[in-house]
Amino acid sequence: MKKLVKQKTPPAGVLPESLEKTERRLPAAALKALAVLASHTEAGKPGEYGWIPEKAAALLGSMPKGELVDTVLALTERFVMAVTAMREETITLAICEFGMHPHEAEKLNLPTMLGSLAGLGLPAIDAANACATCAFRQGSCANQCPATVSDALGCIESKGSPFFCHEGVATGTDPKRVCRGYALALKALNA
């Protein structure tokens, strides 16, 4: 059995070495752009989460090409680090708080970068006609989990094996309904 080691959180103002390197190589304008792009508050609407496309476009559009490339690379690096950290923290939580065996916790179907990229390969559907947790809804948790996306793609490619809806299905039971997103995706592909 793996021995769990609690990671130490750096003191306020101290960044992990990889982040310090990122910040040292970026010009001030790029750091400002990253801060705005990562902002979760739109002026006048405190606490609302979301992307602010107008600000992102204005900042990125005004940057010289070299700074833009560095900014996009730094943003991607931060994104990968955040997704990886969330996955590892979720596994630690499953082990420590819910008593899950470490080997089982590592098998959890959690969002990953590769799962997120693979999810882009699923046919686009009208999200308003699908469950909030639908694997065919771009950006949903299921749309970013490698095992789920792989199953959905396999069902789409075979056109014979249905992909089932998992919304509201109790743990330990099999889903009974065909996924609405799957049906919409097949319809779009056959149109």
Protein backbone atom coordinates (compact mmCIF):
# COMPACT_ATOMS: atom_id res chain seq x y z
CA MET A 1 0.00 0.00 0.00
CA LYS A 2 1.24 3.46 -0.89
CA LYS A 3 2.22 5.72 1.96
CA LEU A 4 0.44 9.06 1.70
CA VAL A 5 2.57 12.13 2.08
CA LYS A 6 0.79 15.43 2.62
CA GLN A 7 2.22 18.06 0.30
CA LYS A 8 3.29 21.27 1.96
CA THR A 9 1.60 24.43 0.81
CA PRO A 10 4.12 27.18 0.10
CA PRO A 11 3.89 30.27 2.33
CA ALA A 12 1.98 33.23 0.88
CA GLY A 13 4.02 35.00 -1.77
CA VAL A 14 6.26 32.02 -2.44
CA LEU A 15 5.65 30.21 -5.70
CA PRO A 16 6.71 26.70 -6.66
CA GLU A 17 9.95 26.77 -8.67
CA SER A 18 8.25 26.02 -12.00
CA LEU A 19 5.90 28.99 -11.54
CA GLU A 20 8.72 31.28 -10.50
CA LYS A 21 10.57 30.36 -13.69
CA THR A 22 7.44 31.07 -15.74
CA GLU A 23 6.95 34.47 -14.15
CA ARG A 24 10.61 35.44 -14.50
CA ARG A 25 10.62 34.86 -18.25
CA LEU A 26 7.45 36.82 -19.02
CA PRO A 27 7.27 40.56 -19.60
CA ALA A 28 5.00 42.63 -17.35
CA ALA A 29 2.35 42.98 -20.06
CA ALA A 30 2.12 39.20 -20.38
CA LEU A 31 1.76 38.78 -16.62
CA LYS A 32 -1.04 41.37 -16.62
CA ALA A 33 -2.76 39.52 -19.46
CA LEU A 34 -2.51 36.22 -17.56
CA ALA A 35 -4.00 37.83 -14.47
CA VAL A 36 -6.94 39.24 -16.44
CA LEU A 37 -7.48 36.02 -18.36
CA ALA A 38 -7.53 34.09 -15.10
CA SER A 39 -9.83 36.62 -13.42
CA HIS A 40 -13.10 35.21 -12.18
CA THR A 41 -14.84 38.52 -11.67
CA GLU A 42 -16.34 40.76 -14.30
CA ALA A 43 -16.64 44.43 -13.32
CA GLY A 44 -19.95 45.10 -11.63
CA LYS A 45 -20.72 41.41 -11.08
CA PRO A 46 -18.57 40.26 -8.15
CA GLY A 47 -18.28 36.54 -7.65
CA GLU A 48 -19.57 35.50 -11.07
CA TYR A 49 -17.43 32.93 -12.78
CA GLY A 50 -16.63 32.96 -16.44
CA TRP A 51 -14.42 33.93 -19.28
CA ILE A 52 -14.34 37.58 -20.32
CA PRO A 53 -13.73 37.28 -24.09
CA GLU A 54 -13.65 41.02 -24.83
CA LYS A 55 -10.86 41.64 -22.31
CA ALA A 56 -8.93 38.58 -23.46
CA ALA A 57 -9.19 39.61 -27.13
CA ALA A 58 -8.13 43.18 -26.39
CA LEU A 59 -5.12 42.14 -24.31
CA LEU A 60 -3.94 39.35 -26.57
CA GLY A 61 -4.60 41.33 -29.75
CA SER A 62 -2.41 44.22 -28.59
CA MET A 63 0.61 42.09 -27.70
CA PRO A 64 3.67 41.74 -29.89
CA LYS A 65 3.93 38.25 -31.40
CA GLY A 66 6.79 37.13 -29.12
CA GLU A 67 4.96 38.16 -25.97
CA LEU A 68 1.77 36.55 -27.25
CA VAL A 69 3.50 33.19 -27.78
CA ASP A 70 5.10 33.36 -24.32
CA THR A 71 1.75 34.27 -22.76
CA VAL A 72 -0.12 31.44 -24.46
CA LEU A 73 2.59 28.96 -23.43
CA ALA A 74 2.53 30.20 -19.84
CA LEU A 75 -1.27 30.05 -19.75
CA THR A 76 -1.18 26.49 -21.10
CA GLU A 77 1.46 25.53 -18.53
CA ARG A 78 -0.70 26.93 -15.71
CA PHE A 79 -3.77 25.14 -17.04
CA VAL A 80 -1.97 21.79 -17.19
CA MET A 81 -0.63 22.32 -13.66
CA ALA A 82 -4.10 23.18 -12.33
CA VAL A 83 -5.78 20.16 -13.94
CA THR A 84 -3.04 17.84 -12.68
CA ALA A 85 -3.25 19.28 -9.16
CA MET A 86 -7.04 18.93 -9.09
CA ARG A 87 -6.82 15.30 -10.16
CA GLU A 88 -4.20 14.50 -7.53
CA GLU A 89 -6.13 16.31 -4.79
CA THR A 90 -9.32 14.45 -5.72
CA ILE A 91 -7.53 11.11 -5.49
CA THR A 92 -6.04 12.11 -2.11
CA LEU A 93 -9.50 13.15 -0.91
CA ALA A 94 -10.98 9.81 -2.02
CA ILE A 95 -8.30 7.96 -0.07
CA CYS A 96 -8.16 10.10 3.08
CA GLU A 97 -11.78 11.14 3.48
CA PHE A 98 -13.67 8.23 1.98
CA GLY A 99 -11.29 5.37 2.80
CA MET A 100 -10.83 4.33 -0.82
CA HIS A 101 -7.87 2.04 -1.47
CA PRO A 102 -5.09 3.95 -3.31
CA HIS A 103 -5.10 1.52 -6.25
CA GLU A 104 -8.85 2.02 -6.69
CA ALA A 105 -8.64 5.79 -6.26
CA GLU A 106 -6.07 6.02 -9.05
CA LYS A 107 -8.56 4.33 -11.40
CA LEU A 108 -11.23 7.01 -10.89
CA ASN A 109 -12.52 8.41 -14.16
CA LEU A 110 -11.53 12.05 -13.61
CA PRO A 111 -11.02 14.89 -16.09
CA THR A 112 -7.54 15.10 -17.59
CA MET A 113 -5.87 17.22 -20.26
CA LEU A 114 -5.88 14.30 -22.71
CA GLY A 115 -9.53 13.57 -21.89
CA SER A 116 -10.40 17.22 -22.49
CA LEU A 117 -8.65 17.20 -25.85
CA ALA A 118 -10.27 13.89 -26.80
CA GLY A 119 -13.67 15.35 -25.84
CA LEU A 120 -13.22 17.90 -28.62
CA GLY A 121 -13.40 14.95 -31.04
CA LEU A 122 -16.98 14.12 -30.11
CA PRO A 123 -19.58 15.46 -32.55
CA ALA A 124 -20.92 18.89 -31.60
CA ILE A 125 -24.51 18.98 -30.34
CA ASP A 126 -26.92 21.66 -29.15
CA ALA A 127 -26.08 21.67 -25.43
CA ALA A 128 -29.54 22.94 -24.54
CA ASN A 129 -30.95 19.55 -25.55
CA ALA A 130 -28.61 17.45 -23.40
CA CYS A 131 -28.17 16.73 -19.69
CA ALA A 132 -25.84 19.03 -17.76
CA THR A 133 -23.47 16.08 -17.24
CA CYS A 134 -23.65 14.75 -20.82
CA ALA A 135 -20.41 13.46 -22.32
CA PHE A 136 -21.40 15.12 -25.61
CA ARG A 137 -21.75 18.56 -23.98
CA GLN A 138 -18.47 20.38 -24.64
CA GLY A 139 -16.74 21.31 -21.39
CA SER A 140 -18.78 19.04 -19.09
CA CYS A 141 -16.87 16.89 -16.62
CA ALA A 142 -17.77 13.73 -18.55
CA ASN A 143 -16.60 15.37 -21.79
CA GLN A 144 -13.12 15.62 -20.26
CA CYS A 145 -12.80 12.14 -18.71
CA PRO A 146 -10.72 9.82 -20.91
CA ALA A 147 -12.67 6.61 -20.21
CA THR A 148 -16.05 8.24 -20.82
CA VAL A 149 -14.93 9.99 -24.00
CA SER A 150 -13.35 6.77 -25.27
CA ASP A 151 -16.61 4.87 -24.67
CA ALA A 152 -18.65 7.61 -26.36
CA LEU A 153 -16.33 7.72 -29.37
CA GLY A 154 -16.44 3.92 -29.65
CA CYS A 155 -20.24 3.97 -29.67
CA ILE A 156 -20.32 6.72 -32.29
CA GLU A 157 -17.81 4.92 -34.52
CA SER A 158 -19.57 1.54 -34.26
CA LYS A 159 -23.03 3.07 -34.81
CA GLY A 160 -24.43 -0.09 -33.28
CA SER A 161 -23.60 0.05 -29.60
CA PRO A 162 -25.68 2.68 -27.84
CA PHE A 163 -24.16 5.08 -25.34
CA PHE A 164 -26.34 5.30 -22.23
CA CYS A 165 -27.28 8.32 -20.13
CA HIS A 166 -25.71 8.29 -16.67
CA GLU A 167 -27.63 11.28 -15.28
CA GLY A 168 -29.32 10.29 -12.02
CA VAL A 169 -28.30 6.62 -12.23
CA ALA A 170 -27.75 5.18 -8.76
CA THR A 171 -24.32 3.77 -7.92
CA GLY A 172 -24.14 0.07 -8.67
CA THR A 173 -27.00 0.08 -11.19
CA ASP A 174 -26.85 0.05 -14.96
CA PRO A 175 -28.19 2.96 -16.99
CA LYS A 176 -31.38 2.17 -18.94
CA ARG A 177 -31.91 5.16 -21.30
CA VAL A 178 -29.94 5.94 -24.43
CA CYS A 179 -28.06 9.22 -24.01
CA ARG A 180 -29.83 12.15 -25.65
CA GLY A 181 -26.47 13.70 -26.60
CA TYR A 182 -25.49 10.44 -28.29
CA ALA A 183 -28.75 10.39 -30.27
CA LEU A 184 -28.25 14.03 -31.31
CA ALA A 185 -24.65 13.33 -32.32
CA LEU A 186 -25.70 10.36 -34.47
CA LYS A 187 -28.45 12.45 -36.06
CA ALA A 188 -25.95 15.23 -36.87
CA LEU A 189 -23.49 12.76 -38.38
CA ASN A 190 -26.16 11.17 -40.56
CA ALA A 191 -27.62 14.47 -41.76
